[in-house]
Amino acid sequence: MKLSIIRARLPVAAVVVALIGGCATKRIVTQWSNPNYAGPAQAFKRILVIAATDQTALRRNFEDAMVARLKAAGVDAVPSYRYFPENGKVPEPRLKEAVQKSGADAAMITRLIGVTRRTEVTPGYYDPFPAFGLYGWYASAWYGGFYVPPRVYRYPVFFSETTLYDVVKDEVVWTGTIRTVDPEEIDEAIDDYASTVVAALQEKNLLRG
């Protein structure tokens, strides 16, 4: 089994697609489905949800949110923290044991793959004094007006990857990269991320309750 790919960290707000102004906006940047996969992806009995991070609260909140979304779609799922509560990378035997104990025939692994910072600049401008008549406009020219300076907004963009893995056949079924822009409410961002992933899998007909 090659599930020892659990090694990266999720962002503090991510795993959680771009809307400037403090909201978490998510979009699937790219996705891939295994063209040679012959297994019944839509008939998985149980999916083990794994968040590859050593942040306890983030991991548990993310796994719970993804499990809830999968169950709402009619797919049985369980969080990995029930079977290996320790954080950080676990050795392969420990992971295999967790998969076996959970009764899962598939695993969903989410990891952070990159973080960038972007900058948006709103140009400054003059707001002239109100003036009436020829002399009013002439006079206002000597006083200029109200100057609004440029505004600079810097924000983080997280790129996370979620992979659906058939642990019986030892094959990747689907993988997608999701962009999360400037998440403000972490719980909301996590739930939106889970919703984005589940919707993508349903669209590919890879999840069916």
Protein backbone atom coordinates (compact mmCIF):
# COMPACT_ATOMS: atom_id res chain seq x y z
CA MET A 1 0.00 0.00 0.00
CA LYS A 2 1.37 3.42 -0.94
CA LEU A 3 -0.63 5.54 1.41
CA SER A 4 2.51 6.74 3.15
CA ILE A 5 2.11 9.95 1.14
CA ILE A 6 0.76 11.57 4.31
CA ARG A 7 3.52 14.08 4.89
CA ALA A 8 2.38 17.64 4.24
CA ARG A 9 0.53 20.19 6.32
CA LEU A 10 -2.78 21.83 5.67
CA PRO A 11 -2.88 25.63 5.95
CA VAL A 12 -4.27 27.15 9.11
CA ALA A 13 -7.39 28.18 7.24
CA ALA A 14 -7.42 25.88 4.37
CA VAL A 15 -7.60 22.98 3.06
CA VAL A 16 -9.62 24.71 2.50
CA VAL A 17 -11.45 29.32 -5.21
CA ALA A 18 -11.04 34.84 -6.04
CA LEU A 19 -13.05 37.44 -4.35
CA ILE A 20 -11.25 40.43 -2.88
CA GLY A 21 -12.73 41.64 0.36
CA GLY A 22 -12.06 39.02 3.01
CA CYS A 23 -14.16 36.06 1.89
CA ALA A 24 -12.95 32.52 1.20
CA THR A 25 -13.47 31.77 -2.46
CA LYS A 26 -12.73 28.33 -3.83
CA ARG A 27 -12.16 26.98 -7.27
CA ILE A 28 -10.82 23.71 -8.61
CA VAL A 29 -7.67 24.67 -10.47
CA THR A 30 -7.12 21.24 -11.97
CA GLN A 31 -8.40 17.70 -11.53
CA TRP A 32 -7.57 14.27 -12.89
CA SER A 33 -9.47 11.00 -13.01
CA ASN A 34 -7.64 7.72 -13.56
CA PRO A 35 -8.63 6.62 -17.09
CA ASN A 36 -7.50 3.06 -16.39
CA TYR A 37 -9.36 2.66 -13.14
CA ALA A 38 -11.72 -0.28 -13.37
CA GLY A 39 -12.98 -0.43 -9.82
CA PRO A 40 -16.50 0.46 -8.66
CA ALA A 41 -15.64 3.90 -7.29
CA GLN A 42 -19.31 4.73 -6.86
CA ALA A 43 -19.76 1.65 -4.68
CA PHE A 44 -17.14 2.25 -1.97
CA LYS A 45 -18.41 0.89 1.31
CA ARG A 46 -16.53 3.38 3.46
CA ILE A 47 -14.07 6.21 2.93
CA LEU A 48 -11.38 7.04 5.50
CA VAL A 49 -10.90 10.82 5.50
CA ILE A 50 -7.35 11.97 6.23
CA ALA A 51 -6.14 15.54 6.73
CA ALA A 52 -2.34 15.59 6.52
CA THR A 53 -1.54 18.16 9.19
CA ASP A 54 -0.07 18.21 12.68
CA GLN A 55 -2.56 20.83 13.88
CA THR A 56 -5.01 18.93 16.05
CA ALA A 57 -8.03 21.24 15.89
CA LEU A 58 -7.68 21.90 12.17
CA ARG A 59 -7.30 18.22 11.37
CA ARG A 60 -10.34 17.16 13.36
CA ASN A 61 -12.55 20.00 12.13
CA PHE A 62 -11.59 19.31 8.53
CA GLU A 63 -12.11 15.55 8.76
CA ASP A 64 -15.47 15.99 10.49
CA ALA A 65 -16.63 18.46 7.83
CA MET A 66 -15.60 16.20 4.96
CA VAL A 67 -17.22 13.17 6.60
CA ALA A 68 -20.46 15.15 7.06
CA ARG A 69 -20.47 16.20 3.40
CA LEU A 70 -19.83 12.65 2.20
CA LYS A 71 -22.58 11.24 4.39
CA ALA A 72 -24.97 13.91 3.13
CA ALA A 73 -24.17 12.60 -0.35
CA GLY A 74 -25.08 9.08 0.77
CA VAL A 75 -21.51 7.80 1.18
CA ASP A 76 -20.30 6.25 4.45
CA ALA A 77 -17.13 7.88 5.76
CA VAL A 78 -15.09 8.08 8.97
CA PRO A 79 -12.40 10.51 10.20
CA SER A 80 -8.87 9.15 10.53
CA TYR A 81 -8.30 10.70 13.97
CA ARG A 82 -10.47 7.96 15.44
CA TYR A 83 -7.92 5.37 14.38
CA PHE A 84 -4.63 7.26 14.76
CA PRO A 85 -5.17 10.30 16.99
CA GLU A 86 -1.50 11.26 16.98
CA ASN A 87 -0.62 14.20 14.74
CA GLY A 88 2.14 14.46 12.18
CA LYS A 89 3.33 11.84 9.74
CA VAL A 90 2.65 8.24 10.78
CA PRO A 91 4.64 5.21 9.58
CA GLU A 92 3.12 3.01 6.88
CA PRO A 93 2.33 0.06 9.21
CA ARG A 94 0.40 2.41 11.48
CA LEU A 95 -1.57 3.72 8.52
CA LYS A 96 -2.34 0.24 7.22
CA GLU A 97 -3.57 -0.71 10.68
CA ALA A 98 -5.89 2.31 10.75
CA VAL A 99 -7.31 1.47 7.32
CA GLN A 100 -7.94 -2.11 8.38
CA LYS A 101 -9.58 -1.17 11.67
CA SER A 102 -11.80 1.42 10.03
CA GLY A 103 -13.12 -1.09 7.49
CA ALA A 104 -12.49 1.43 4.72
CA ASP A 105 -11.96 0.38 1.12
CA ALA A 106 -11.04 3.94 0.07
CA ALA A 107 -9.13 6.85 1.55
CA MET A 108 -9.45 10.57 0.88
CA ILE A 109 -6.23 12.45 1.62
CA THR A 110 -5.93 16.25 1.70
CA ARG A 111 -2.64 18.12 1.89
CA LEU A 112 -1.29 21.63 1.37
CA ILE A 113 0.85 22.01 -1.74
CA GLY A 114 1.56 25.74 -1.76
CA VAL A 115 0.86 29.21 -0.42
CA THR A 116 1.30 32.50 -2.27
CA ARG A 117 0.64 36.12 -1.33
CA ARG A 118 -1.02 38.52 -3.74
CA THR A 119 -1.39 42.28 -3.76
CA GLU A 120 -4.23 44.44 -5.09
CA VAL A 121 -3.78 48.22 -5.41
CA THR A 122 -6.62 50.72 -5.80
CA PRO A 123 -5.28 53.95 -7.38
CA GLY A 124 -5.61 57.23 -5.50
CA TYR A 125 -7.79 60.01 -6.84
CA TYR A 126 -8.83 63.60 -6.23
CA ASP A 127 -12.38 64.53 -5.28
CA PRO A 128 -12.72 68.23 -6.19
CA PHE A 129 -14.55 70.77 -4.07
CA PRO A 130 -18.10 71.41 -5.25
CA ALA A 131 -18.21 74.60 -7.26
CA PHE A 132 -20.83 76.62 -9.11
CA GLY A 133 -20.33 79.03 -11.95
CA LEU A 134 -17.19 80.09 -13.77
CA TYR A 135 -15.51 81.71 -10.82
CA GLY A 136 -16.39 78.83 -8.53
CA TRP A 137 -14.53 76.38 -10.73
CA TYR A 138 -11.65 78.84 -11.11
CA ALA A 139 -11.38 79.34 -7.37
CA SER A 140 -11.56 75.63 -6.58
CA ALA A 141 -8.57 75.04 -8.85
CA TRP A 142 -6.40 76.89 -6.31
CA TYR A 143 -7.42 74.61 -3.48
CA GLY A 144 -7.28 71.29 -5.24
CA GLY A 145 -9.73 69.00 -3.51
CA PHE A 146 -9.94 66.02 -1.25
CA TYR A 147 -7.26 63.45 -2.03
CA VAL A 148 -8.01 59.78 -1.49
CA PRO A 149 -4.69 57.89 -1.31
CA PRO A 150 -4.08 54.53 -2.97
CA ARG A 151 -5.20 51.48 -1.02
CA VAL A 152 -3.09 48.34 -0.89
CA TYR A 153 -4.64 44.98 -0.02
CA ARG A 154 -2.44 41.95 0.54
CA TYR A 155 -3.95 38.51 0.94
CA PRO A 156 -2.90 34.83 1.03
CA VAL A 157 -3.88 32.21 -1.54
CA PHE A 158 -3.70 28.55 -0.52
CA PHE A 159 -3.42 25.61 -2.91
CA SER A 160 -4.45 22.25 -1.48
CA GLU A 161 -4.76 18.83 -3.04
CA THR A 162 -7.35 16.15 -2.30
CA THR A 163 -6.92 12.60 -3.58
CA LEU A 164 -9.41 9.72 -3.58
CA TYR A 165 -7.54 6.44 -3.26
CA ASP A 166 -8.76 2.85 -3.68
CA VAL A 167 -6.92 1.05 -0.88
CA VAL A 168 -7.97 -2.40 -2.10
CA LYS A 169 -6.68 -1.99 -5.64
CA ASP A 170 -3.86 0.36 -4.53
CA GLU A 171 -4.86 2.93 -7.16
CA VAL A 172 -5.53 6.65 -7.30
CA VAL A 173 -9.11 7.21 -8.46
CA TRP A 174 -9.22 11.00 -8.56
CA THR A 175 -7.13 13.98 -7.51
CA GLY A 176 -7.90 17.68 -7.58
CA THR A 177 -6.15 20.92 -6.69
CA ILE A 178 -8.32 23.55 -5.03
CA ARG A 179 -7.48 27.23 -4.62
CA THR A 180 -8.66 29.00 -1.47
CA VAL A 181 -8.39 32.79 -1.38
CA ASP A 182 -8.05 34.74 1.87
CA PRO A 183 -10.23 32.61 4.18
CA GLU A 184 -11.71 34.72 6.96
CA GLU A 185 -13.94 32.24 8.78
CA ILE A 186 -12.02 28.98 9.08
CA ASP A 187 -15.00 26.72 9.78
CA GLU A 188 -16.91 28.17 6.85
CA ALA A 189 -13.85 27.82 4.59
CA ILE A 190 -13.42 24.17 5.56
CA ASP A 191 -17.07 23.37 4.92
CA ASP A 192 -16.94 25.12 1.54
CA TYR A 193 -13.80 23.17 0.64
CA ALA A 194 -15.47 19.86 1.50
CA SER A 195 -18.53 20.85 -0.52
CA THR A 196 -16.35 21.72 -3.52
CA VAL A 197 -14.59 18.35 -3.46
CA VAL A 198 -17.75 16.28 -3.03
CA ALA A 199 -19.51 18.18 -5.82
CA ALA A 200 -16.56 17.54 -8.16
CA LEU A 201 -16.60 13.80 -7.38
CA GLN A 202 -20.35 13.63 -7.94
CA GLU A 203 -19.97 15.41 -11.26
CA LYS A 204 -17.42 12.77 -12.30
CA ASN A 205 -19.85 10.06 -11.12
CA LEU A 206 -17.28 8.83 -8.62
CA LEU A 207 -19.57 9.03 -5.60
CA ARG A 208 -22.96 7.45 -5.44
CA GLY A 209 -24.83 6.54 -2.32
